[in-house]
Amino acid sequence: MIQRKRVIAYLVRPAEGGIKSHVLTLMNGLDRTRFEPVLICPPDSSLYEEAEKAGHRVIPLDLVGEISPAKDLFTSLRLRWILHKVRPDVLHIHSAKAGFVGRLAVIPKLRRPRVILTVHSFVFDERVKWLKRIITALVERFLLMFTDRIVVVSNALKDELVSQMGLDPAKIEVIYNGVVFRDVPKPEHTGICVGTVARLAPQKGVEHFIHAAALVKKKYRSAKFVIVGDGPFRYWLETMAQQYGVKDCIEFTGFRPDPLSIAAGFDVFVMTSMRETFGMALVEAMSLGVPAVASNVGGIPEIVDGSTTGLLAEPGDPEDIAKKICLLLKDKELAAQIGQAGCESVRSRFTSDRMLDEIQHVYETPDNHRGTEDTEENSEEIRNPGGE
């Protein structure tokens, strides 16, 4: 008897960067003898386009990024109709906004797909008022009743969901992001090159990289610095570089489709995030053998141990960041050892194959909270969605 494939529907808000890469890695890497992926996302997103080019079934859904009660209600009703037609075994939702709309759509359903929510980022920061925190936590606890599993990308994120939102830790599983590692040739350059890859947004703390660069420049006058990435803070950061007197030695490359080709030439990779659930750019840079200095915050210490695989600096402390950078620039042997150990560590721990195995195991975990009466009844519609 041939076992039917489980249909996995991915629900994603407008997404770029890490979330887009994560979803595409899942869809492209699924065992197609066991699973059939379907993507539900905004039609004007690059994720929609790339998934369609890869040959995946893609269903358009206008899921806006910002909170919009009227639009969100309409979108949830539209999603409910899509789920009725597709009849997925699993609805795998990515990000908090999609998590709200997706679970709202399944609340009235007596027979619903298995709902898995992957949380990629911290929910709260210091700017969130206490009232909003309380309301968000209450809403999330209610929606947890319609969530079979929450997957998070680090233990630090799990700790926040438990301590700040009061969620049941038994429902939360840590599955680290996985990377399809590549060997990128090291570009030839003369002199010292220190760089970072980051979205130019407040939580990435790139201003501390610029301040640290000014301090490093005092000891290594020929040093060059590179910032790969773009974002809303770019103009402000360029102005800051001018104020610190390092505008001429810092290159803002803007967005690059292949940042690793640049990062491979760094003598030191720096991540100065103030909040970071995982640090995909850090993992990718380390996988090339580039020694790293990173903020001791969030999930970063789960990647870098602070001594043998990379150095940790106090978040928001340019002097400590500069000190750690200078240590690696001064001690070439130490830098080489850390670069090698970091490379071996991330390439063994954060593979896409490992992530896929763990996610697929979650997909196949039996549902203990509901009966199996719908499985056979719906099997024909699952094999032939919409009766077509």
Protein backbone atom coordinates (compact mmCIF):
# COMPACT_ATOMS: atom_id res chain seq x y z
CA MET A 1 0.00 0.00 0.00
CA ILE A 2 1.41 3.38 -1.02
CA GLN A 3 1.31 5.87 1.83
CA ARG A 4 -0.12 9.22 0.76
CA LYS A 5 1.95 12.35 1.07
CA ARG A 6 1.23 14.80 3.84
CA VAL A 7 0.31 18.21 2.48
CA ILE A 8 2.22 21.00 4.24
CA ALA A 9 0.81 24.51 3.75
CA TYR A 10 3.23 27.34 4.56
CA LEU A 11 1.66 30.66 5.54
CA VAL A 12 4.07 33.61 5.39
CA ARG A 13 3.65 37.39 5.59
CA PRO A 14 5.69 39.64 3.25
CA ALA A 15 9.17 38.35 4.05
CA GLU A 16 12.74 38.92 2.97
CA GLY A 17 16.08 37.94 4.42
CA GLY A 18 16.14 35.18 7.02
CA ILE A 19 12.47 34.16 6.94
CA LYS A 20 12.38 33.93 3.16
CA SER A 21 15.59 31.90 3.10
CA HIS A 22 14.27 29.64 5.87
CA VAL A 23 10.96 28.89 4.12
CA LEU A 24 12.61 28.23 0.76
CA THR A 25 15.12 25.90 2.41
CA LEU A 26 12.23 23.95 3.96
CA MET A 27 10.17 23.74 0.78
CA ASN A 28 13.12 22.83 -1.44
CA GLY A 29 14.53 20.29 0.99
CA LEU A 30 11.38 18.39 2.04
CA ASP A 31 11.34 14.66 1.39
CA ARG A 32 8.93 14.70 -1.55
CA THR A 33 8.13 11.02 -1.11
CA ARG A 34 6.50 11.95 2.22
CA PHE A 35 5.45 15.60 1.92
CA GLU A 36 3.88 17.97 -0.60
CA PRO A 37 4.51 21.68 0.08
CA VAL A 38 2.08 24.50 -0.74
CA LEU A 39 2.97 28.14 -0.18
CA ILE A 40 0.36 30.76 0.80
CA CYS A 41 1.78 34.28 0.74
CA PRO A 42 1.39 37.77 -0.79
CA PRO A 43 1.59 37.65 -4.60
CA ASP A 44 3.81 40.74 -4.82
CA SER A 45 6.61 39.24 -2.69
CA SER A 46 9.91 37.86 -3.97
CA LEU A 47 9.21 34.70 -1.96
CA TYR A 48 6.11 34.07 -4.12
CA GLU A 49 8.13 34.55 -7.28
CA GLU A 50 11.07 32.38 -6.23
CA ALA A 51 8.86 29.55 -4.96
CA GLU A 52 6.88 29.59 -8.20
CA LYS A 53 10.10 29.48 -10.24
CA ALA A 54 11.22 26.48 -8.18
CA GLY A 55 8.09 24.64 -9.29
CA HIS A 56 6.13 24.79 -6.04
CA ARG A 57 2.38 25.30 -5.85
CA VAL A 58 1.79 28.88 -4.69
CA ILE A 59 -1.53 30.42 -3.63
CA PRO A 60 -1.82 34.24 -3.39
CA LEU A 61 -3.08 35.80 -0.17
CA ASP A 62 -2.91 39.55 0.55
CA LEU A 63 -1.40 39.32 4.03
CA VAL A 64 -0.22 42.79 5.01
CA GLY A 65 2.70 43.26 7.37
CA GLU A 66 1.19 45.93 9.64
CA ILE A 67 -1.74 45.48 12.04
CA SER A 68 -5.05 46.19 10.27
CA PRO A 69 -8.13 44.72 12.02
CA ALA A 70 -10.50 45.00 9.05
CA LYS A 71 -7.99 43.64 6.53
CA ASP A 72 -6.84 40.94 8.94
CA LEU A 73 -10.42 39.70 9.44
CA PHE A 74 -11.05 39.61 5.69
CA THR A 75 -7.72 37.85 5.13
CA SER A 76 -8.50 35.21 7.76
CA LEU A 77 -11.84 34.48 6.04
CA ARG A 78 -10.11 34.19 2.69
CA LEU A 79 -7.50 31.89 4.24
CA ARG A 80 -10.24 29.75 5.78
CA TRP A 81 -11.64 29.20 2.27
CA ILE A 82 -8.16 28.35 0.92
CA LEU A 83 -7.59 25.81 3.68
CA HIS A 84 -10.98 24.24 2.97
CA LYS A 85 -9.96 23.75 -0.66
CA VAL A 86 -6.37 22.60 -0.04
CA ARG A 87 -7.10 20.44 3.04
CA PRO A 88 -3.51 20.45 4.34
CA ASP A 89 -2.37 18.00 6.99
CA VAL A 90 -0.18 20.71 8.49
CA LEU A 91 -0.45 24.48 8.45
CA HIS A 92 3.05 25.78 9.15
CA ILE A 93 2.91 29.49 9.97
CA HIS A 94 5.90 31.83 10.06
CA SER A 95 6.08 35.08 12.09
CA ALA A 96 3.72 36.64 14.61
CA LYS A 97 1.49 38.51 12.13
CA ALA A 98 0.85 35.42 10.02
CA GLY A 99 0.41 33.53 13.28
CA PHE A 100 -2.48 35.76 14.28
CA VAL A 101 -4.28 35.59 10.93
CA GLY A 102 -3.59 31.89 10.43
CA ARG A 103 -4.88 30.74 13.77
CA LEU A 104 -7.86 33.09 13.56
CA ALA A 105 -8.82 31.26 10.38
CA VAL A 106 -8.89 27.83 12.04
CA ILE A 107 -10.69 28.78 15.28
CA PRO A 108 -14.20 27.87 14.06
CA LYS A 109 -13.06 24.64 12.41
CA LEU A 110 -13.89 21.38 14.18
CA ARG A 111 -11.54 19.60 11.83
CA ARG A 112 -8.47 21.67 11.31
CA PRO A 113 -4.95 20.96 10.11
CA ARG A 114 -2.17 20.47 12.57
CA VAL A 115 -1.01 24.02 13.31
CA ILE A 116 2.68 24.75 13.79
CA LEU A 117 3.94 28.27 14.41
CA THR A 118 7.61 29.15 13.91
CA VAL A 119 8.61 32.30 15.80
CA HIS A 120 11.70 33.90 14.27
CA SER A 121 12.14 37.02 16.38
CA PHE A 122 11.60 38.41 19.84
CA VAL A 123 8.09 39.73 20.44
CA PHE A 124 8.95 42.57 22.81
CA ASP A 125 11.65 45.21 23.05
CA GLU A 126 12.19 48.13 25.40
CA ARG A 127 9.88 50.36 23.33
CA VAL A 128 6.79 48.20 23.89
CA LYS A 129 4.52 49.64 26.59
CA TRP A 130 3.34 47.44 29.46
CA LEU A 131 -0.33 47.53 28.37
CA LYS A 132 0.54 46.26 24.89
CA ARG A 133 2.68 43.53 26.46
CA ILE A 134 -0.24 42.36 28.59
CA ILE A 135 -2.74 42.40 25.70
CA THR A 136 -0.29 40.59 23.38
CA ALA A 137 0.40 37.93 26.00
CA LEU A 138 -3.32 37.35 26.64
CA VAL A 139 -4.07 37.05 22.91
CA GLU A 140 -1.18 34.64 22.43
CA ARG A 141 -2.28 32.45 25.34
CA PHE A 142 -5.75 32.26 23.79
CA LEU A 143 -4.35 31.39 20.35
CA LEU A 144 -2.14 28.74 21.93
CA MET A 145 -5.30 26.62 22.28
CA PHE A 146 -5.34 26.38 18.47
CA THR A 147 -1.61 25.75 18.14
CA ASP A 148 -0.19 22.24 18.24
CA ARG A 149 3.45 23.23 18.35
CA ILE A 150 5.53 26.40 18.56
CA VAL A 151 8.99 26.14 17.03
CA VAL A 152 11.61 28.71 18.02
CA VAL A 153 15.10 29.26 16.63
CA SER A 154 16.95 29.55 19.96
CA ASN A 155 16.64 28.79 23.65
CA ALA A 156 16.78 32.54 24.32
CA LEU A 157 13.58 33.00 22.33
CA LYS A 158 11.89 30.11 24.13
CA ASP A 159 12.82 31.68 27.47
CA GLU A 160 11.17 34.95 26.44
CA LEU A 161 7.94 33.29 25.32
CA VAL A 162 7.73 31.44 28.63
CA SER A 163 8.80 34.24 30.98
CA GLN A 164 7.29 37.27 29.23
CA MET A 165 4.14 35.74 27.71
CA GLY A 166 3.41 32.88 30.06
CA LEU A 167 3.28 30.23 27.34
CA ASP A 168 3.47 26.54 28.15
CA PRO A 169 7.12 25.41 27.66
CA ALA A 170 5.92 21.88 26.84
CA LYS A 171 4.42 23.21 23.61
CA ILE A 172 7.62 24.97 22.53
CA GLU A 173 10.44 23.22 20.69
CA VAL A 174 13.84 24.69 19.86
CA ILE A 175 15.02 23.93 16.32
CA TYR A 176 18.04 25.94 15.26
CA ASN A 177 18.07 27.44 11.78
CA GLY A 178 19.90 25.42 9.16
CA VAL A 179 22.19 26.68 6.44
CA VAL A 180 23.02 25.28 3.03
CA PHE A 181 26.75 25.86 3.37
CA ARG A 182 28.86 26.92 0.42
CA ASP A 183 32.58 27.29 -0.11
CA VAL A 184 33.18 30.88 -1.20
CA PRO A 185 36.62 31.88 -2.48
CA LYS A 186 38.39 34.46 -0.35
CA PRO A 187 38.77 37.67 -2.39
CA GLU A 188 42.27 39.10 -2.58
CA HIS A 189 42.86 42.36 -0.74
CA THR A 190 45.71 44.20 0.88
CA GLY A 191 45.63 45.56 4.39
CA ILE A 192 43.05 44.99 7.12
CA CYS A 193 39.34 44.59 6.41
CA VAL A 194 36.74 44.38 9.18
CA GLY A 195 33.08 44.09 8.32
CA THR A 196 29.50 43.26 9.16
CA VAL A 197 26.41 42.05 7.32
CA ALA A 198 23.18 43.43 8.73
CA ARG A 199 19.89 45.12 8.01
CA LEU A 200 20.38 48.78 8.86
CA ALA A 201 17.70 48.90 11.54
CA PRO A 202 17.81 49.84 15.26
CA GLN A 203 18.01 46.33 16.71
CA LYS A 204 21.15 45.53 14.70
CA GLY A 205 23.22 48.11 16.58
CA VAL A 206 25.33 49.05 13.54
CA GLU A 207 26.06 52.42 15.13
CA HIS A 208 28.20 50.57 17.67
CA PHE A 209 30.15 48.97 14.82
CA ILE A 210 30.87 52.45 13.44
CA HIS A 211 31.94 53.75 16.85
CA ALA A 212 34.14 50.68 17.36
CA ALA A 213 35.63 51.22 13.88
CA ALA A 214 36.72 54.71 14.93
CA LEU A 215 38.46 53.24 17.97
CA VAL A 216 40.15 50.46 15.97
CA LYS A 217 41.28 53.06 13.43
CA LYS A 218 43.40 54.72 16.10
CA LYS A 219 45.57 51.58 16.36
CA TYR A 220 45.31 50.35 12.78
CA ARG A 221 45.31 53.46 10.60
CA SER A 222 45.22 51.54 7.33
CA ALA A 223 42.20 49.45 8.35
CA LYS A 224 39.14 49.44 6.12
CA PHE A 225 35.60 48.70 7.25
CA VAL A 226 32.64 47.34 5.28
CA ILE A 227 28.91 47.40 6.08
CA VAL A 228 26.88 45.07 3.84
CA GLY A 229 23.13 45.66 3.91
CA ASP A 230 20.51 48.34 3.64
CA GLY A 231 17.63 49.63 5.70
CA PRO A 232 15.86 52.67 7.14
CA PHE A 233 18.85 53.78 9.26
CA ARG A 234 21.34 54.00 6.40
CA TYR A 235 21.38 57.81 6.08
CA TRP A 236 21.69 58.24 9.84
CA LEU A 237 24.55 55.73 9.99
CA GLU A 238 26.39 57.41 7.13
CA THR A 239 26.04 60.71 8.98
CA MET A 240 27.40 59.07 12.13
CA ALA A 241 30.41 57.74 10.22
CA GLN A 242 31.10 61.31 9.10
CA GLN A 243 30.83 62.57 12.67
CA TYR A 244 33.29 59.93 13.94
CA GLY A 245 35.74 60.80 11.19
CA VAL A 246 35.65 57.37 9.55
CA LYS A 247 33.43 58.11 6.54
CA ASP A 248 36.33 57.68 4.12
CA CYS A 249 37.36 54.26 5.45
CA ILE A 250 33.86 52.73 5.79
CA GLU A 251 32.16 51.34 2.70
CA PHE A 252 28.37 51.07 2.72
CA THR A 253 27.71 48.50 0.00
CA GLY A 254 23.92 48.58 0.27
CA PHE A 255 21.93 45.42 -0.38
CA ARG A 256 23.88 42.64 -2.06
CA PRO A 257 22.28 39.40 -3.28
CA ASP A 258 25.38 37.43 -2.28
CA PRO A 259 26.88 39.09 0.83
CA LEU A 260 29.04 36.04 1.54
CA SER A 261 31.23 36.85 -1.46
CA ILE A 262 32.18 40.05 0.39
CA ALA A 263 32.25 38.64 3.93
CA ALA A 264 34.69 35.94 2.83
CA GLY A 265 37.33 38.68 2.57
CA PHE A 266 36.90 40.02 6.11
CA ASP A 267 39.76 39.59 8.56
CA VAL A 268 37.16 39.87 11.34
CA PHE A 269 33.37 39.58 11.09
CA VAL A 270 31.46 41.67 13.63
CA MET A 271 27.84 41.38 14.76
CA THR A 272 26.79 44.24 17.04
CA SER A 273 23.09 43.39 17.47
CA MET A 274 21.22 44.67 20.49
CA ARG A 275 18.57 41.96 20.02
CA GLU A 276 19.15 38.79 18.04
CA THR A 277 17.24 35.53 18.24
CA PHE A 278 19.77 33.54 16.25
CA GLY A 279 22.21 35.30 13.89
CA MET A 280 22.12 33.69 10.46
CA ALA A 281 24.69 36.10 9.00
CA LEU A 282 27.02 35.22 11.87
CA VAL A 283 26.72 31.49 11.16
CA GLU A 284 27.32 31.99 7.44
CA ALA A 285 30.40 34.16 8.00
CA MET A 286 31.84 31.70 10.53
CA SER A 287 31.27 28.86 8.07
CA LEU A 288 33.84 30.53 5.81
CA GLY A 289 36.49 30.45 8.52
CA VAL A 290 36.22 34.17 9.32
CA PRO A 291 36.88 34.82 13.04
CA ALA A 292 33.94 36.57 14.68
CA VAL A 293 33.23 39.13 17.38
CA ALA A 294 29.56 39.24 18.35
CA SER A 295 27.29 40.78 20.98
CA ASN A 296 26.66 38.67 24.05
CA VAL A 297 22.89 38.88 23.65
CA GLY A 298 19.88 36.73 22.75
CA GLY A 299 20.71 33.53 20.90
CA ILE A 300 24.23 34.56 19.88
CA PRO A 301 25.93 32.80 22.84
CA GLU A 302 24.32 29.59 21.56
CA ILE A 303 26.46 30.00 18.43
CA VAL A 304 29.65 31.58 19.80
CA ASP A 305 31.21 30.35 23.05
CA GLY A 306 33.26 33.49 23.75
CA SER A 307 36.69 31.89 23.60
CA THR A 308 37.33 29.06 21.15
CA THR A 309 34.70 29.50 18.41
CA GLY A 310 34.38 33.29 18.54
CA LEU A 311 34.61 36.25 20.91
CA LEU A 312 31.67 37.83 22.72
CA ALA A 313 31.46 41.54 23.47
CA GLU A 314 29.15 43.50 25.71
CA PRO A 315 26.16 44.68 23.66
CA GLY A 316 26.18 48.40 23.01
CA ASP A 317 29.78 48.79 24.24
CA PRO A 318 31.98 50.06 21.37
CA GLU A 319 35.11 49.99 23.52
CA ASP A 320 34.70 46.29 24.31
CA ILE A 321 33.84 45.53 20.68
CA ALA A 322 36.95 47.40 19.50
CA LYS A 323 39.09 45.64 22.11
CA LYS A 324 38.00 42.20 20.85
CA ILE A 325 38.53 43.21 17.22
CA CYS A 326 42.03 44.48 17.97
CA LEU A 327 42.88 41.27 19.81
CA LEU A 328 42.13 39.23 16.69
CA LEU A 329 43.95 41.68 14.41
CA LYS A 330 47.02 41.61 16.64
CA ASP A 331 47.18 37.85 17.27
CA LYS A 332 47.01 36.22 13.83
CA GLU A 333 47.50 32.74 15.28
CA LEU A 334 44.58 33.17 17.68
CA ALA A 335 42.43 34.56 14.86
CA ALA A 336 43.23 31.55 12.67
CA GLN A 337 42.45 29.11 15.50
CA ILE A 338 39.13 30.79 16.29
CA GLY A 339 38.24 30.99 12.60
CA GLN A 340 38.88 27.28 12.12
CA ALA A 341 37.11 26.20 15.31
CA GLY A 342 34.13 28.43 14.54
CA CYS A 343 33.89 27.04 11.03
CA GLU A 344 33.93 23.43 12.23
CA SER A 345 31.38 24.20 14.96
CA VAL A 346 28.72 25.85 12.79
CA ARG A 347 29.14 23.42 9.88
CA SER A 348 28.50 20.51 12.22
CA ARG A 349 25.66 22.03 14.26
CA PHE A 350 23.63 24.22 11.91
CA THR A 351 23.18 22.20 8.74
CA SER A 352 20.04 22.41 6.64
CA ASP A 353 19.80 18.60 6.70
CA ARG A 354 19.63 18.60 10.50
CA MET A 355 16.97 21.33 10.49
CA LEU A 356 14.91 19.50 7.87
CA ASP A 357 15.05 16.22 9.79
CA GLU A 358 13.85 17.92 12.96
CA ILE A 359 11.06 19.87 11.24
CA GLN A 360 9.84 16.80 9.35
CA HIS A 361 9.77 14.89 12.63
CA VAL A 362 7.48 17.60 14.02
CA TYR A 363 5.23 17.26 10.96
CA GLU A 364 4.86 13.53 11.61
CA THR A 365 4.28 13.73 15.34
CA PRO A 366 0.86 12.19 16.09
CA ASP A 367 -1.90 14.47 17.27
CA ASN A 368 -2.94 13.40 20.76
CA HIS A 369 -5.50 16.16 21.28
CA ARG A 370 -7.87 15.16 18.46
CA GLY A 371 -9.20 11.99 16.95
CA THR A 372 -8.26 10.54 13.62
CA GLU A 373 -11.76 10.41 12.22
CA ASP A 374 -10.99 13.11 9.66
CA THR A 375 -7.87 11.47 8.25
CA GLU A 376 -9.48 8.87 6.00
CA GLU A 377 -12.53 10.98 5.26
CA ASN A 378 -10.43 13.79 3.86
CA SER A 379 -7.71 11.67 2.28
CA GLU A 380 -9.21 11.78 -1.20
CA GLU A 381 -9.58 15.57 -1.13
CA ILE A 382 -6.01 15.86 0.08
CA ARG A 383 -4.77 13.78 -2.81
CA ASN A 384 -6.96 15.78 -5.18
CA PRO A 385 -7.38 19.29 -3.69
CA GLY A 386 -10.52 21.06 -4.78
CA GLY A 387 -11.74 18.02 -6.69
CA GLU A 388 -9.84 19.05 -9.79
